[in-house]
Amino acid sequence: AVFHVEELIRCVGNSEQIANTPVPLSYSRHTSRFLFLWAITLPLFLVNACGPWASIPAHLFISWALLGTEQVGHLIEDP
């Protein structure tokens, strides 16, 4: 039982090191640029799937949700 507790403490310590490591700036920029590029090209595919008029609110909602999630991720990333 003592071995399991020591192993758990070691695992928690390793997890804290991972949680306190900031995301590299280049990775953060890359994901932001990729998401922006994806959001810009999304209407090209939505027009075929939803039609021209339904693709506008669908694009706005999907982009709002994904870009908002990215922004929340940037805000909570800083330890």
N, C-alpha and C. Protein backbone atom coordinates (compact mmCIF):
# COMPACT_ATOMS: atom_id res chain seq x y z
N ALA A 1 0.83 -1.19 0.00
CA ALA A 1 0.00 0.00 0.00
C ALA A 1 0.88 1.25 0.00
N VAL A 2 2.02 1.20 0.69
CA VAL A 2 2.91 2.35 0.75
C VAL A 2 3.48 2.64 -0.64
N PHE A 3 3.78 1.58 -1.39
CA PHE A 3 4.32 1.75 -2.74
C PHE A 3 3.31 2.49 -3.62
N HIS A 4 2.02 2.15 -3.50
CA HIS A 4 0.99 2.79 -4.32
C HIS A 4 0.86 4.28 -3.98
N VAL A 5 0.98 4.62 -2.71
CA VAL A 5 0.89 6.02 -2.31
C VAL A 5 2.10 6.80 -2.85
N GLU A 6 3.28 6.21 -2.76
CA GLU A 6 4.47 6.87 -3.28
C GLU A 6 4.38 7.04 -4.80
N GLU A 7 3.87 6.04 -5.47
CA GLU A 7 3.68 6.12 -6.93
C GLU A 7 2.67 7.20 -7.28
N LEU A 8 1.60 7.31 -6.51
CA LEU A 8 0.59 8.34 -6.74
C LEU A 8 1.18 9.73 -6.53
N ILE A 9 1.98 9.91 -5.50
CA ILE A 9 2.62 11.20 -5.24
C ILE A 9 3.57 11.56 -6.38
N ARG A 10 4.29 10.60 -6.90
CA ARG A 10 5.19 10.85 -8.02
C ARG A 10 4.41 11.25 -9.27
N CYS A 11 3.31 10.57 -9.51
CA CYS A 11 2.49 10.90 -10.69
C CYS A 11 1.86 12.29 -10.57
N VAL A 12 1.40 12.64 -9.38
CA VAL A 12 0.83 13.97 -9.17
C VAL A 12 1.89 15.04 -9.38
N GLY A 13 3.10 14.81 -8.88
CA GLY A 13 4.19 15.75 -9.08
C GLY A 13 4.52 15.95 -10.55
N ASN A 14 4.55 14.86 -11.30
CA ASN A 14 4.80 14.96 -12.75
C ASN A 14 3.67 15.70 -13.45
N SER A 15 2.45 15.48 -13.04
CA SER A 15 1.30 16.16 -13.64
C SER A 15 1.34 17.66 -13.36
N GLU A 16 1.78 18.04 -12.16
CA GLU A 16 1.89 19.46 -11.84
C GLU A 16 2.95 20.14 -12.69
N GLN A 17 4.02 19.44 -12.99
CA GLN A 17 5.05 20.02 -13.86
C GLN A 17 4.49 20.25 -15.25
N ILE A 18 3.71 19.32 -15.76
CA ILE A 18 3.10 19.47 -17.09
C ILE A 18 2.10 20.62 -17.07
N ALA A 19 1.29 20.70 -16.04
CA ALA A 19 0.26 21.74 -15.96
C ALA A 19 0.86 23.13 -15.84
N ASN A 20 2.02 23.26 -15.24
CA ASN A 20 2.65 24.57 -15.04
C ASN A 20 3.56 24.97 -16.19
N THR A 21 3.71 24.11 -17.19
CA THR A 21 4.54 24.44 -18.34
C THR A 21 3.70 25.21 -19.35
N PRO A 22 4.10 26.43 -19.70
CA PRO A 22 3.31 27.21 -20.66
C PRO A 22 3.42 26.62 -22.06
N VAL A 23 2.39 26.86 -22.86
CA VAL A 23 2.41 26.43 -24.25
C VAL A 23 3.38 27.33 -25.01
N PRO A 24 4.27 26.78 -25.81
CA PRO A 24 5.21 27.61 -26.57
C PRO A 24 4.47 28.60 -27.48
N LEU A 25 5.01 29.79 -27.61
CA LEU A 25 4.37 30.84 -28.39
C LEU A 25 4.19 30.43 -29.85
N SER A 26 5.17 29.74 -30.42
CA SER A 26 5.07 29.33 -31.82
C SER A 26 3.91 28.35 -32.02
N TYR A 27 3.68 27.45 -31.07
CA TYR A 27 2.55 26.52 -31.16
C TYR A 27 1.23 27.27 -31.06
N SER A 28 1.17 28.22 -30.16
CA SER A 28 -0.04 29.01 -29.99
C SER A 28 -0.36 29.81 -31.25
N ARG A 29 0.64 30.42 -31.83
CA ARG A 29 0.45 31.18 -33.07
C ARG A 29 0.03 30.28 -34.22
N HIS A 30 0.65 29.12 -34.31
CA HIS A 30 0.32 28.19 -35.39
C HIS A 30 -1.14 27.75 -35.30
N THR A 31 -1.59 27.40 -34.11
CA THR A 31 -2.99 26.97 -33.97
C THR A 31 -3.95 28.12 -34.26
N SER A 32 -3.59 29.34 -33.86
CA SER A 32 -4.45 30.49 -34.14
C SER A 32 -4.55 30.74 -35.65
N ARG A 33 -3.44 30.67 -36.32
CA ARG A 33 -3.44 30.90 -37.78
C ARG A 33 -4.20 29.80 -38.50
N PHE A 34 -4.01 28.57 -38.09
CA PHE A 34 -4.71 27.46 -38.73
C PHE A 34 -6.22 27.59 -38.51
N LEU A 35 -6.63 27.93 -37.32
CA LEU A 35 -8.06 28.08 -37.03
C LEU A 35 -8.65 29.23 -37.83
N PHE A 36 -7.92 30.34 -37.95
CA PHE A 36 -8.39 31.47 -38.74
C PHE A 36 -8.53 31.08 -40.21
N LEU A 37 -7.54 30.38 -40.76
CA LEU A 37 -7.60 29.93 -42.15
C LEU A 37 -8.77 28.99 -42.36
N TRP A 38 -8.99 28.10 -41.41
CA TRP A 38 -10.11 27.16 -41.50
C TRP A 38 -11.45 27.91 -41.48
N ALA A 39 -11.55 28.92 -40.60
CA ALA A 39 -12.79 29.69 -40.49
C ALA A 39 -13.04 30.51 -41.76
N ILE A 40 -11.99 31.00 -42.40
CA ILE A 40 -12.14 31.77 -43.63
C ILE A 40 -12.63 30.89 -44.78
N THR A 41 -12.16 29.64 -44.85
CA THR A 41 -12.56 28.77 -45.96
C THR A 41 -13.84 27.99 -45.65
N LEU A 42 -14.34 28.05 -44.45
CA LEU A 42 -15.55 27.32 -44.09
C LEU A 42 -16.75 27.65 -44.97
N PRO A 43 -17.01 28.91 -45.32
CA PRO A 43 -18.19 29.20 -46.14
C PRO A 43 -18.17 28.50 -47.51
N LEU A 44 -17.00 28.24 -48.03
CA LEU A 44 -16.92 27.56 -49.33
C LEU A 44 -17.56 26.18 -49.27
N PHE A 45 -17.44 25.53 -48.13
CA PHE A 45 -17.99 24.19 -47.98
C PHE A 45 -19.42 24.22 -47.45
N LEU A 46 -19.74 25.23 -46.67
CA LEU A 46 -21.09 25.32 -46.12
C LEU A 46 -22.12 25.66 -47.19
N VAL A 47 -21.73 26.41 -48.21
CA VAL A 47 -22.68 26.77 -49.26
C VAL A 47 -23.20 25.51 -49.95
N ASN A 48 -22.33 24.55 -50.19
CA ASN A 48 -22.76 23.31 -50.83
C ASN A 48 -23.61 22.46 -49.90
N ALA A 49 -23.32 22.50 -48.62
CA ALA A 49 -24.03 21.65 -47.67
C ALA A 49 -25.35 22.26 -47.20
N CYS A 50 -25.38 23.58 -46.98
CA CYS A 50 -26.55 24.22 -46.38
C CYS A 50 -27.31 25.14 -47.32
N GLY A 51 -26.70 25.53 -48.40
CA GLY A 51 -27.30 26.55 -49.25
C GLY A 51 -26.73 27.90 -48.90
N PRO A 52 -26.90 28.87 -49.80
CA PRO A 52 -26.25 30.16 -49.58
C PRO A 52 -26.78 30.93 -48.38
N TRP A 53 -28.07 30.88 -48.12
CA TRP A 53 -28.62 31.70 -47.03
C TRP A 53 -28.43 31.05 -45.67
N ALA A 54 -28.50 29.77 -45.58
CA ALA A 54 -28.31 29.10 -44.30
C ALA A 54 -26.83 29.04 -43.91
N SER A 55 -25.94 29.16 -44.89
CA SER A 55 -24.52 29.07 -44.58
C SER A 55 -24.02 30.30 -43.83
N ILE A 56 -24.69 31.45 -43.99
CA ILE A 56 -24.24 32.66 -43.30
C ILE A 56 -24.37 32.54 -41.79
N PRO A 57 -25.57 32.22 -41.26
CA PRO A 57 -25.65 32.08 -39.80
C PRO A 57 -24.87 30.87 -39.28
N ALA A 58 -24.80 29.81 -40.09
CA ALA A 58 -24.02 28.64 -39.67
C ALA A 58 -22.54 29.00 -39.55
N HIS A 59 -22.02 29.75 -40.51
CA HIS A 59 -20.62 30.17 -40.47
C HIS A 59 -20.37 31.08 -39.27
N LEU A 60 -21.26 32.02 -39.04
CA LEU A 60 -21.09 32.93 -37.91
C LEU A 60 -21.08 32.18 -36.59
N PHE A 61 -22.01 31.25 -36.42
CA PHE A 61 -22.09 30.51 -35.17
C PHE A 61 -20.89 29.60 -34.97
N ILE A 62 -20.51 28.86 -35.99
CA ILE A 62 -19.38 27.94 -35.87
C ILE A 62 -18.08 28.71 -35.61
N SER A 63 -17.88 29.80 -36.32
CA SER A 63 -16.67 30.60 -36.12
C SER A 63 -16.65 31.22 -34.73
N TRP A 64 -17.80 31.74 -34.30
CA TRP A 64 -17.89 32.32 -32.95
C TRP A 64 -17.55 31.28 -31.89
N ALA A 65 -18.09 30.08 -32.02
CA ALA A 65 -17.85 29.03 -31.03
C ALA A 65 -16.37 28.61 -31.00
N LEU A 66 -15.79 28.39 -32.16
CA LEU A 66 -14.40 27.92 -32.19
C LEU A 66 -13.41 29.01 -31.79
N LEU A 67 -13.59 30.22 -32.30
CA LEU A 67 -12.68 31.29 -31.95
C LEU A 67 -12.84 31.69 -30.48
N GLY A 68 -14.06 31.61 -29.96
CA GLY A 68 -14.28 31.86 -28.54
C GLY A 68 -13.61 30.81 -27.67
N THR A 69 -13.69 29.56 -28.09
CA THR A 69 -13.03 28.49 -27.35
C THR A 69 -11.52 28.68 -27.36
N GLU A 70 -10.99 29.11 -28.50
CA GLU A 70 -9.55 29.38 -28.57
C GLU A 70 -9.16 30.52 -27.63
N GLN A 71 -9.97 31.57 -27.59
CA GLN A 71 -9.68 32.70 -26.71
C GLN A 71 -9.72 32.28 -25.25
N VAL A 72 -10.68 31.47 -24.87
CA VAL A 72 -10.76 30.98 -23.49
C VAL A 72 -9.52 30.14 -23.18
N GLY A 73 -9.09 29.34 -24.13
CA GLY A 73 -7.88 28.55 -23.93
C GLY A 73 -6.66 29.40 -23.68
N HIS A 74 -6.54 30.52 -24.41
CA HIS A 74 -5.42 31.43 -24.18
C HIS A 74 -5.51 32.09 -22.80
N LEU A 75 -6.71 32.41 -22.38
CA LEU A 75 -6.88 33.06 -21.08
C LEU A 75 -6.57 32.13 -19.91
N ILE A 76 -6.99 30.89 -20.01
CA ILE A 76 -6.77 29.98 -18.88
C ILE A 76 -5.41 29.28 -18.95
N GLU A 77 -4.68 29.48 -20.03
CA GLU A 77 -3.37 28.83 -20.16
C GLU A 77 -2.38 29.39 -19.16
N ASP A 78 -2.41 30.69 -18.91
CA ASP A 78 -1.44 31.30 -18.03
C ASP A 78 -1.63 30.82 -16.60
N PRO A 79 -0.61 30.16 -16.05
CA PRO A 79 -0.77 29.65 -14.67
C PRO A 79 -0.72 30.76 -13.64
